[in-house]
Amino acid sequence: MPSLGPTELIIILVIVLLLFGVGRVSRIGGELGSAVANFRKGLDDGSKNKTEEIKEKNTPS
């Protein structure tokens, strides 16, 4: 399977900009960034909750 080089990536970027426009592409990028940030936050919250549950189970009453 051939890999994508810099020239191919630039061509793809130009086509995407022509299809969607600069404003829409930047908005999509921002939404994607916030989605990734929320996903990471959810992963961190889940691991904190799991750690707290383990500590509660191991603590004598």
PDB file of N, CA and C in Angstrom:
ATOM      1  N   MET A   1       0.854  -1.174   0.000  1.00  0.00           N
ATOM      2  CA  MET A   1       0.000   0.000   0.000  1.00  0.00           C
ATOM      3  C   MET A   1       0.896   1.231   0.000  1.00  0.00           C
ATOM      4  N   PRO A   2       0.726   2.126  -0.956  1.00  0.00           N
ATOM      5  CA  PRO A   2       1.573   3.311  -1.029  1.00  0.00           C
ATOM      6  C   PRO A   2       1.239   4.311   0.082  1.00  0.00           C
ATOM      7  N   SER A   3       2.252   5.006   0.557  1.00  0.00           N
ATOM      8  CA  SER A   3       2.027   5.998   1.610  1.00  0.00           C
ATOM      9  C   SER A   3       1.780   7.369   0.981  1.00  0.00           C
ATOM     10  N   LEU A   4       1.192   8.261   1.759  1.00  0.00           N
ATOM     11  CA  LEU A   4       0.914   9.614   1.286  1.00  0.00           C
ATOM     12  C   LEU A   4       2.101  10.512   1.600  1.00  0.00           C
ATOM     13  N   GLY A   5       2.617  11.147   0.597  1.00  0.00           N
ATOM     14  CA  GLY A   5       3.722  12.073   0.774  1.00  0.00           C
ATOM     15  C   GLY A   5       3.210  13.494   0.939  1.00  0.00           C
ATOM     16  N   PRO A   6       4.110  14.455   1.119  1.00  0.00           N
ATOM     17  CA  PRO A   6       3.703  15.843   1.315  1.00  0.00           C
ATOM     18  C   PRO A   6       2.929  16.416   0.117  1.00  0.00           C
ATOM     19  N   THR A   7       3.314  16.040  -1.070  1.00  0.00           N
ATOM     20  CA  THR A   7       2.627  16.557  -2.259  1.00  0.00           C
ATOM     21  C   THR A   7       1.178  16.089  -2.300  1.00  0.00           C
ATOM     22  N   GLU A   8       0.944  14.829  -2.014  1.00  0.00           N
ATOM     23  CA  GLU A   8      -0.410  14.299  -2.020  1.00  0.00           C
ATOM     24  C   GLU A   8      -1.258  14.938  -0.928  1.00  0.00           C
ATOM     25  N   LEU A   9      -0.659  15.146   0.248  1.00  0.00           N
ATOM     26  CA  LEU A   9      -1.402  15.769   1.346  1.00  0.00           C
ATOM     27  C   LEU A   9      -1.788  17.210   1.009  1.00  0.00           C
ATOM     28  N   ILE A  10      -0.906  17.942   0.345  1.00  0.00           N
ATOM     29  CA  ILE A  10      -1.214  19.319  -0.051  1.00  0.00           C
ATOM     30  C   ILE A  10      -2.348  19.332  -1.072  1.00  0.00           C
ATOM     31  N   ILE A  11      -2.317  18.411  -2.009  1.00  0.00           N
ATOM     32  CA  ILE A  11      -3.388  18.324  -3.005  1.00  0.00           C
ATOM     33  C   ILE A  11      -4.727  18.014  -2.336  1.00  0.00           C
ATOM     34  N   ILE A  12      -4.728  17.100  -1.394  1.00  0.00           N
ATOM     35  CA  ILE A  12      -5.955  16.753  -0.667  1.00  0.00           C
ATOM     36  C   ILE A  12      -6.462  17.964   0.106  1.00  0.00           C
ATOM     37  N   LEU A  13      -5.567  18.698   0.760  1.00  0.00           N
ATOM     38  CA  LEU A  13      -5.954  19.882   1.517  1.00  0.00           C
ATOM     39  C   LEU A  13      -6.576  20.940   0.611  1.00  0.00           C
ATOM     40  N   VAL A  14      -5.995  21.167  -0.559  1.00  0.00           N
ATOM     41  CA  VAL A  14      -6.534  22.149  -1.501  1.00  0.00           C
ATOM     42  C   VAL A  14      -7.921  21.730  -1.964  1.00  0.00           C
ATOM     43  N   ILE A  15      -8.118  20.464  -2.260  1.00  0.00           N
ATOM     44  CA  ILE A  15      -9.435  19.986  -2.694  1.00  0.00           C
ATOM     45  C   ILE A  15     -10.464  20.166  -1.589  1.00  0.00           C
ATOM     46  N   VAL A  16     -10.094  19.852  -0.343  1.00  0.00           N
ATOM     47  CA  VAL A  16     -11.013  20.018   0.790  1.00  0.00           C
ATOM     48  C   VAL A  16     -11.371  21.490   0.960  1.00  0.00           C
ATOM     49  N   LEU A  17     -10.385  22.382   0.843  1.00  0.00           N
ATOM     50  CA  LEU A  17     -10.664  23.810   0.965  1.00  0.00           C
ATOM     51  C   LEU A  17     -11.592  24.294  -0.144  1.00  0.00           C
ATOM     52  N   LEU A  18     -11.410  23.798  -1.345  1.00  0.00           N
ATOM     53  CA  LEU A  18     -12.280  24.194  -2.447  1.00  0.00           C
ATOM     54  C   LEU A  18     -13.711  23.685  -2.247  1.00  0.00           C
ATOM     55  N   LEU A  19     -13.843  22.491  -1.715  1.00  0.00           N
ATOM     56  CA  LEU A  19     -15.176  21.917  -1.521  1.00  0.00           C
ATOM     57  C   LEU A  19     -15.939  22.573  -0.373  1.00  0.00           C
ATOM     58  N   PHE A  20     -15.272  22.788   0.744  1.00  0.00           N
ATOM     59  CA  PHE A  20     -15.965  23.243   1.952  1.00  0.00           C
ATOM     60  C   PHE A  20     -15.760  24.719   2.278  1.00  0.00           C
ATOM     61  N   GLY A  21     -14.676  25.318   1.861  1.00  0.00           N
ATOM     62  CA  GLY A  21     -14.392  26.704   2.206  1.00  0.00           C
ATOM     63  C   GLY A  21     -13.586  26.797   3.486  1.00  0.00           C
ATOM     64  N   VAL A  22     -12.893  27.916   3.635  1.00  0.00           N
ATOM     65  CA  VAL A  22     -11.987  28.088   4.775  1.00  0.00           C
ATOM     66  C   VAL A  22     -12.749  28.148   6.099  1.00  0.00           C
ATOM     67  N   GLY A  23     -13.857  28.861   6.127  1.00  0.00           N
ATOM     68  CA  GLY A  23     -14.615  29.010   7.378  1.00  0.00           C
ATOM     69  C   GLY A  23     -15.144  27.695   7.899  1.00  0.00           C
ATOM     70  N   ARG A  24     -15.673  26.898   7.013  1.00  0.00           N
ATOM     71  CA  ARG A  24     -16.250  25.626   7.435  1.00  0.00           C
ATOM     72  C   ARG A  24     -15.167  24.645   7.872  1.00  0.00           C
ATOM     73  N   VAL A  25     -14.030  24.647   7.177  1.00  0.00           N
ATOM     74  CA  VAL A  25     -12.932  23.749   7.549  1.00  0.00           C
ATOM     75  C   VAL A  25     -12.388  24.126   8.929  1.00  0.00           C
ATOM     76  N   SER A  26     -12.263  25.430   9.201  1.00  0.00           N
ATOM     77  CA  SER A  26     -11.763  25.833  10.517  1.00  0.00           C
ATOM     78  C   SER A  26     -12.755  25.484  11.619  1.00  0.00           C
ATOM     79  N   ARG A  27     -14.043  25.609  11.326  1.00  0.00           N
ATOM     80  CA  ARG A  27     -15.059  25.248  12.317  1.00  0.00           C
ATOM     81  C   ARG A  27     -15.028  23.743  12.587  1.00  0.00           C
ATOM     82  N   ILE A  28     -14.879  22.949  11.537  1.00  0.00           N
ATOM     83  CA  ILE A  28     -14.791  21.496  11.698  1.00  0.00           C
ATOM     84  C   ILE A  28     -13.556  21.135  12.518  1.00  0.00           C
ATOM     85  N   GLY A  29     -12.438  21.814  12.248  1.00  0.00           N
ATOM     86  CA  GLY A  29     -11.211  21.566  13.016  1.00  0.00           C
ATOM     87  C   GLY A  29     -11.382  21.899  14.487  1.00  0.00           C
ATOM     88  N   GLY A  30     -12.044  23.015  14.771  1.00  0.00           N
ATOM     89  CA  GLY A  30     -12.298  23.390  16.165  1.00  0.00           C
ATOM     90  C   GLY A  30     -13.189  22.399  16.876  1.00  0.00           C
ATOM     91  N   GLU A  31     -14.230  21.950  16.178  1.00  0.00           N
ATOM     92  CA  GLU A  31     -15.133  20.968  16.778  1.00  0.00           C
ATOM     93  C   GLU A  31     -14.428  19.636  17.013  1.00  0.00           C
ATOM     94  N   LEU A  32     -13.579  19.266  16.085  1.00  0.00           N
ATOM     95  CA  LEU A  32     -12.819  18.026  16.242  1.00  0.00           C
ATOM     96  C   LEU A  32     -11.866  18.134  17.436  1.00  0.00           C
ATOM     97  N   GLY A  33     -11.215  19.291  17.582  1.00  0.00           N
ATOM     98  CA  GLY A  33     -10.311  19.498  18.716  1.00  0.00           C
ATOM     99  C   GLY A  33     -11.040  19.435  20.048  1.00  0.00           C
ATOM    100  N   SER A  34     -12.221  20.057  20.123  1.00  0.00           N
ATOM    101  CA  SER A  34     -12.971  20.014  21.379  1.00  0.00           C
ATOM    102  C   SER A  34     -13.496  18.609  21.654  1.00  0.00           C
ATOM    103  N   ALA A  35     -13.828  17.866  20.606  1.00  0.00           N
ATOM    104  CA  ALA A  35     -14.283  16.488  20.802  1.00  0.00           C
ATOM    105  C   ALA A  35     -13.163  15.626  21.373  1.00  0.00           C
ATOM    106  N   VAL A  36     -11.948  15.800  20.851  1.00  0.00           N
ATOM    107  CA  VAL A  36     -10.809  15.039  21.361  1.00  0.00           C
ATOM    108  C   VAL A  36     -10.521  15.425  22.810  1.00  0.00           C
ATOM    109  N   ALA A  37     -10.613  16.720  23.128  1.00  0.00           N
ATOM    110  CA  ALA A  37     -10.377  17.174  24.499  1.00  0.00           C
ATOM    111  C   ALA A  37     -11.410  16.578  25.455  1.00  0.00           C
ATOM    112  N   ASN A  38     -12.683  16.559  25.042  1.00  0.00           N
ATOM    113  CA  ASN A  38     -13.721  15.966  25.890  1.00  0.00           C
ATOM    114  C   ASN A  38     -13.534  14.466  26.043  1.00  0.00           C
ATOM    115  N   PHE A  39     -13.086  13.805  24.995  1.00  0.00           N
ATOM    116  CA  PHE A  39     -12.825  12.367  25.077  1.00  0.00           C
ATOM    117  C   PHE A  39     -11.717  12.083  26.078  1.00  0.00           C
ATOM    118  N   ARG A  40     -10.641  12.855  26.019  1.00  0.00           N
ATOM    119  CA  ARG A  40      -9.541  12.666  26.974  1.00  0.00           C
ATOM    120  C   ARG A  40      -9.985  12.960  28.396  1.00  0.00           C
ATOM    121  N   LYS A  41     -10.804  13.998  28.557  1.00  0.00           N
ATOM    122  CA  LYS A  41     -11.317  14.330  29.886  1.00  0.00           C
ATOM    123  C   LYS A  41     -12.164  13.180  30.426  1.00  0.00           C
ATOM    124  N   GLY A  42     -12.982  12.585  29.554  1.00  0.00           N
ATOM    125  CA  GLY A  42     -13.794  11.449  29.962  1.00  0.00           C
ATOM    126  C   GLY A  42     -12.949  10.256  30.364  1.00  0.00           C
ATOM    127  N   LEU A  43     -11.871  10.020  29.638  1.00  0.00           N
ATOM    128  CA  LEU A  43     -10.976   8.926  30.003  1.00  0.00           C
ATOM    129  C   LEU A  43     -10.324   9.181  31.355  1.00  0.00           C
ATOM    130  N   ASP A  44      -9.889  10.411  31.592  1.00  0.00           N
ATOM    131  CA  ASP A  44      -9.265  10.747  32.878  1.00  0.00           C
ATOM    132  C   ASP A  44     -10.261  10.612  34.022  1.00  0.00           C
ATOM    133  N   ASP A  45     -11.507  11.083  33.820  1.00  0.00           N
ATOM    134  CA  ASP A  45     -12.524  10.974  34.862  1.00  0.00           C
ATOM    135  C   ASP A  45     -12.835   9.512  35.160  1.00  0.00           C
ATOM    136  N   GLY A  46     -12.883   8.695  34.129  1.00  0.00           N
ATOM    137  CA  GLY A  46     -13.168   7.273  34.321  1.00  0.00           C
ATOM    138  C   GLY A  46     -12.077   6.570  35.102  1.00  0.00           C
ATOM    139  N   SER A  47     -10.826   6.911  34.829  1.00  0.00           N
ATOM    140  CA  SER A  47      -9.739   6.269  35.552  1.00  0.00           C
ATOM    141  C   SER A  47      -9.684   6.761  36.999  1.00  0.00           C
ATOM    142  N   LYS A  48     -10.049   8.020  37.243  1.00  0.00           N
ATOM    143  CA  LYS A  48     -10.079   8.541  38.617  1.00  0.00           C
ATOM    144  C   LYS A  48     -11.173   7.848  39.413  1.00  0.00           C
ATOM    145  N   ASN A  49     -12.342   7.664  38.787  1.00  0.00           N
ATOM    146  CA  ASN A  49     -13.439   6.985  39.477  1.00  0.00           C
ATOM    147  C   ASN A  49     -13.068   5.544  39.795  1.00  0.00           C
ATOM    148  N   LYS A  50     -12.397   4.879  38.872  1.00  0.00           N
ATOM    149  CA  LYS A  50     -11.992   3.491  39.096  1.00  0.00           C
ATOM    150  C   LYS A  50     -10.989   3.416  40.252  1.00  0.00           C
ATOM    151  N   THR A  51     -10.047   4.372  40.298  1.00  0.00           N
ATOM    152  CA  THR A  51      -9.054   4.400  41.365  1.00  0.00           C
ATOM    153  C   THR A  51      -9.726   4.624  42.716  1.00  0.00           C
ATOM    154  N   GLU A  52     -10.716   5.528  42.756  1.00  0.00           N
ATOM    155  CA  GLU A  52     -11.431   5.785  44.002  1.00  0.00           C
ATOM    156  C   GLU A  52     -12.207   4.557  44.459  1.00  0.00           C
ATOM    157  N   GLU A  53     -12.823   3.824  43.523  1.00  0.00           N
ATOM    158  CA  GLU A  53     -13.552   2.616  43.882  1.00  0.00           C
ATOM    159  C   GLU A  53     -12.619   1.568  44.468  1.00  0.00           C
ATOM    160  N   ILE A  54     -11.453   1.418  43.913  1.00  0.00           N
ATOM    161  CA  ILE A  54     -10.484   0.439  44.410  1.00  0.00           C
ATOM    162  C   ILE A  54     -10.022   0.834  45.811  1.00  0.00           C
ATOM    163  N   LYS A  55      -9.770   2.121  46.027  1.00  0.00           N
ATOM    164  CA  LYS A  55      -9.337   2.563  47.361  1.00  0.00           C
ATOM    165  C   LYS A  55     -10.434   2.325  48.391  1.00  0.00           C
ATOM    166  N   GLU A  56     -11.690   2.570  48.013  1.00  0.00           N
ATOM    167  CA  GLU A  56     -12.809   2.363  48.940  1.00  0.00           C
ATOM    168  C   GLU A  56     -12.960   0.883  49.288  1.00  0.00           C
ATOM    169  N   LYS A  57     -12.743   0.010  48.340  1.00  0.00           N
ATOM    170  CA  LYS A  57     -12.878  -1.427  48.592  1.00  0.00           C
ATOM    171  C   LYS A  57     -11.760  -1.935  49.497  1.00  0.00           C
ATOM    172  N   ASN A  58     -10.561  -1.350  49.374  1.00  0.00           N
ATOM    173  CA  ASN A  58      -9.424  -1.817  50.142  1.00  0.00           C
ATOM    174  C   ASN A  58      -9.327  -1.158  51.523  1.00  0.00           C
ATOM    175  N   THR A  59     -10.112  -0.133  51.781  1.00  0.00           N
ATOM    176  CA  THR A  59     -10.075   0.552  53.069  1.00  0.00           C
ATOM    177  C   THR A  59     -10.984  -0.187  54.049  1.00  0.00           C
ATOM    178  N   PRO A  60     -10.431  -0.564  55.223  1.00  0.00           N
ATOM    179  CA  PRO A  60     -11.285  -1.259  56.211  1.00  0.00           C
ATOM    180  C   PRO A  60     -12.299  -0.293  56.808  1.00  0.00           C
ATOM    181  N   SER A  61     -13.496  -0.799  57.068  1.00  0.00           N
ATOM    182  CA  SER A  61     -14.570   0.055  57.610  1.00  0.00           C
ATOM    183  C   SER A  61     -14.525   0.118  59.106  1.00  0.00           C
TER     184      SER A  61
END
